[in-house]
C-alpha atoms as a PDB file:
ATOM      1  CA  MET A   1      63.225  48.446 115.660  1.00  0.00           C
ATOM      2  CA  SER A   2      65.913  45.911 115.323  1.00  0.00           C
ATOM      3  CA  PHE A   3      68.092  45.219 111.912  1.00  0.00           C
ATOM      4  CA  HIS A   4      70.329  42.593 111.078  1.00  0.00           C
ATOM      5  CA  ILE A   5      72.841  43.397 108.427  1.00  0.00           C
ATOM      6  CA  GLN A   6      75.197  41.473 106.271  1.00  0.00           C
ATOM      7  CA  PRO A   7      78.770  41.738 107.792  1.00  0.00           C
ATOM      8  CA  SER A   8      80.107  42.945 104.393  1.00  0.00           C
ATOM      9  CA  LYS A   9      77.484  45.684 104.456  1.00  0.00           C
ATOM     10  CA  VAL A  10      77.815  47.183 107.998  1.00  0.00           C
ATOM     11  CA  HIS A  11      79.851  50.413 106.945  1.00  0.00           C
ATOM     12  CA  GLU A  12      77.368  50.955 104.232  1.00  0.00           C
ATOM     13  CA  PHE A  13      74.281  50.556 106.652  1.00  0.00           C
ATOM     14  CA  GLU A  14      75.744  52.923 109.094  1.00  0.00           C
ATOM     15  CA  SER A  15      76.498  55.551 106.601  1.00  0.00           C
ATOM     16  CA  LEU A  16      72.910  55.510 105.126  1.00  0.00           C
ATOM     17  CA  HIS A  17      71.243  54.863 108.497  1.00  0.00           C
ATOM     18  CA  ARG A  18      72.892  57.923 110.184  1.00  0.00           C
ATOM     19  CA  ALA A  19      71.611  60.043 107.134  1.00  0.00           C
ATOM     20  CA  LEU A  20      68.167  58.591 107.927  1.00  0.00           C
ATOM     21  CA  ALA A  21      68.504  59.123 111.771  1.00  0.00           C
ATOM     22  CA  GLU A  22      69.554  62.665 111.150  1.00  0.00           C
ATOM     23  CA  PHE A  23      66.531  63.332 109.067  1.00  0.00           C
ATOM     24  CA  MET A  24      64.186  61.639 111.405  1.00  0.00           C
ATOM     25  CA  SER A  25      65.620  63.676 114.220  1.00  0.00           C
ATOM     26  CA  GLY A  26      64.436  66.790 112.548  1.00  0.00           C
ATOM     27  CA  GLN A  27      60.960  65.807 112.104  1.00  0.00           C
ATOM     28  CA  PRO A  28      58.311  67.459 114.238  1.00  0.00           C
ATOM     29  CA  GLY A  29      57.705  65.680 117.483  1.00  0.00           C
ATOM     30  CA  CYS A  30      61.272  63.867 117.517  1.00  0.00           C
ATOM     31  CA  ILE A  31      62.910  64.180 120.919  1.00  0.00           C
ATOM     32  CA  GLU A  32      65.864  61.796 120.431  1.00  0.00           C
ATOM     33  CA  ILE A  33      66.929  58.774 118.286  1.00  0.00           C
ATOM     34  CA  ARG A  34      69.404  56.295 119.580  1.00  0.00           C
ATOM     35  CA  VAL A  35      71.199  53.454 117.646  1.00  0.00           C
ATOM     36  CA  HIS A  36      72.792  50.697 119.425  1.00  0.00           C
ATOM     37  CA  ARG A  37      75.177  47.989 117.898  1.00  0.00           C
ATOM     38  CA  SER A  38      75.457  44.447 119.494  1.00  0.00           C
ATOM     39  CA  LEU A  39      78.573  43.809 121.227  1.00  0.00           C
ATOM     40  CA  LYS A  40      78.313  39.949 120.458  1.00  0.00           C
ATOM     41  CA  THR A  41      77.090  40.246 116.859  1.00  0.00           C
ATOM     42  CA  PRO A  42      78.274  43.557 115.324  1.00  0.00           C
ATOM     43  CA  GLN A  43      75.822  43.299 112.455  1.00  0.00           C
ATOM     44  CA  GLU A  44      72.845  43.632 114.778  1.00  0.00           C
ATOM     45  CA  TYR A  45      71.468  46.916 115.571  1.00  0.00           C
ATOM     46  CA  VAL A  46      68.653  48.193 117.883  1.00  0.00           C
ATOM     47  CA  VAL A  47      67.265  51.674 117.165  1.00  0.00           C
ATOM     48  CA  TYR A  48      64.811  53.421 119.361  1.00  0.00           C
ATOM     49  CA  GLY A  49      63.589  56.924 119.539  1.00  0.00           C
ATOM     50  CA  THR A  50      61.721  59.278 121.994  1.00  0.00           C
ATOM     51  CA  TRP A  51      58.693  61.097 120.307  1.00  0.00           C
ATOM     52  CA  GLU A  52      56.152  63.313 121.562  1.00  0.00           C
ATOM     53  CA  SER A  53      53.311  61.272 120.478  1.00  0.00           C
ATOM     54  CA  LYS A  54      52.896  58.034 118.470  1.00  0.00           C
ATOM     55  CA  GLU A  55      51.035  60.267 115.873  1.00  0.00           C
ATOM     56  CA  ALA A  56      54.247  62.268 115.303  1.00  0.00           C
ATOM     57  CA  TRP A  57      56.226  59.060 114.963  1.00  0.00           C
ATOM     58  CA  GLU A  58      53.476  57.916 112.415  1.00  0.00           C
ATOM     59  CA  ARG A  59      53.677  61.081 110.388  1.00  0.00           C
ATOM     60  CA  ALA A  60      57.388  61.064 110.203  1.00  0.00           C
ATOM     61  CA  HIS A  61      57.515  57.509 108.882  1.00  0.00           C
ATOM     62  CA  GLN A  62      54.819  58.557 106.248  1.00  0.00           C
ATOM     63  CA  THR A  63      56.959  60.927 104.442  1.00  0.00           C
ATOM     64  CA  ALA A  64      58.324  60.116 100.984  1.00  0.00           C
ATOM     65  CA  GLU A  65      61.997  61.112 102.264  1.00  0.00           C
ATOM     66  CA  PHE A  66      61.627  58.431 105.154  1.00  0.00           C
ATOM     67  CA  ARG A  67      60.342  55.807 102.640  1.00  0.00           C
ATOM     68  CA  THR A  68      63.198  56.451 100.070  1.00  0.00           C
ATOM     69  CA  GLN A  69      65.826  56.381 102.745  1.00  0.00           C
ATOM     70  CA  PHE A  70      64.611  53.408 104.452  1.00  0.00           C
ATOM     71  CA  GLN A  71      64.310  51.411 101.187  1.00  0.00           C
ATOM     72  CA  ASN A  72      67.894  52.130 100.451  1.00  0.00           C
ATOM     73  CA  LEU A  73      69.033  50.690 103.480  1.00  0.00           C
ATOM     74  CA  PRO A  74      71.175  47.415 102.843  1.00  0.00           C
ATOM     75  CA  ILE A  75      69.151  45.245 105.712  1.00  0.00           C
ATOM     76  CA  GLU A  76      68.870  41.588 105.512  1.00  0.00           C
ATOM     77  CA  THR A  77      66.025  41.683 108.133  1.00  0.00           C
ATOM     78  CA  HIS A  78      64.281  44.154 110.500  1.00  0.00           C
ATOM     79  CA  THR A  79      61.464  43.859 113.039  1.00  0.00           C
ATOM     80  CA  LEU A  80      59.190  46.181 114.705  1.00  0.00           C
ATOM     81  CA  SER A  81      58.075  44.877 118.169  1.00  0.00           C
ATOM     82  CA  SER A  82      54.463  44.681 118.625  1.00  0.00           C
ATOM     83  CA  ALA A  83      55.099  46.462 122.112  1.00  0.00           C
ATOM     84  CA  SER A  84      56.847  49.196 120.458  1.00  0.00           C
ATOM     85  CA  PHE A  85      55.111  52.117 122.038  1.00  0.00           C
ATOM     86  CA  PHE A  86      55.618  53.067 125.634  1.00  0.00           C
ATOM     87  CA  GLU A  87      54.989  55.918 127.924  1.00  0.00           C
ATOM     88  CA  LEU A  88      57.551  57.054 130.537  1.00  0.00           C
ATOM     89  CA  ALA A  89      56.670  55.717 133.968  1.00  0.00           C
ATOM     90  CA  TYR A  90      59.923  56.974 135.588  1.00  0.00           C
ATOM     91  CA  GLY A  91      63.691  57.059 134.828  1.00  0.00           C
ATOM     92  CA  TYR A  92      67.071  57.889 136.236  1.00  0.00           C
ATOM     93  CA  LYS A  93      69.987  59.735 134.866  1.00  0.00           C
ATOM     94  CA  GLU A  94      73.425  60.396 136.624  1.00  0.00           C
ATOM     95  CA  SER A  95      72.242  63.067 138.799  1.00  0.00           C
ATOM     96  CA  GLY A  96      69.293  61.276 140.214  1.00  0.00           C
ATOM     97  CA  CYS A  97      65.673  60.614 139.238  1.00  0.00           C
ATOM     98  CA  CYS A  98      63.950  62.348 136.407  1.00  0.00           C
ATOM     99  CA  SER A  99      60.384  62.160 136.957  1.00  0.00           C
ATOM    100  CA  LYS A 100      57.522  61.834 134.188  1.00  0.00           C
ATOM    101  CA  GLY A 101      56.532  65.398 132.736  1.00  0.00           C
END
């Protein structure tokens, strides 16, 4: 998901979104959540998470707490890519390859 924030609202967004990300990271099936800020345009963010399943992600996003916290975010626009769900094919870490499963 990507977010575009008004420059004057960046600190407010980060404070509120940190609380939301912390809440989501505690939901069943959440493995991790990462938030990246653009180096070129500091009011643009990309958020991605790793979940055990798409169903776990959907359940977490249907909670009243998520909806309330999300509605309170001071965002101008947000988008959810139509290709937002992927399965791990392979990956690398500092120590070498980490295979699927």
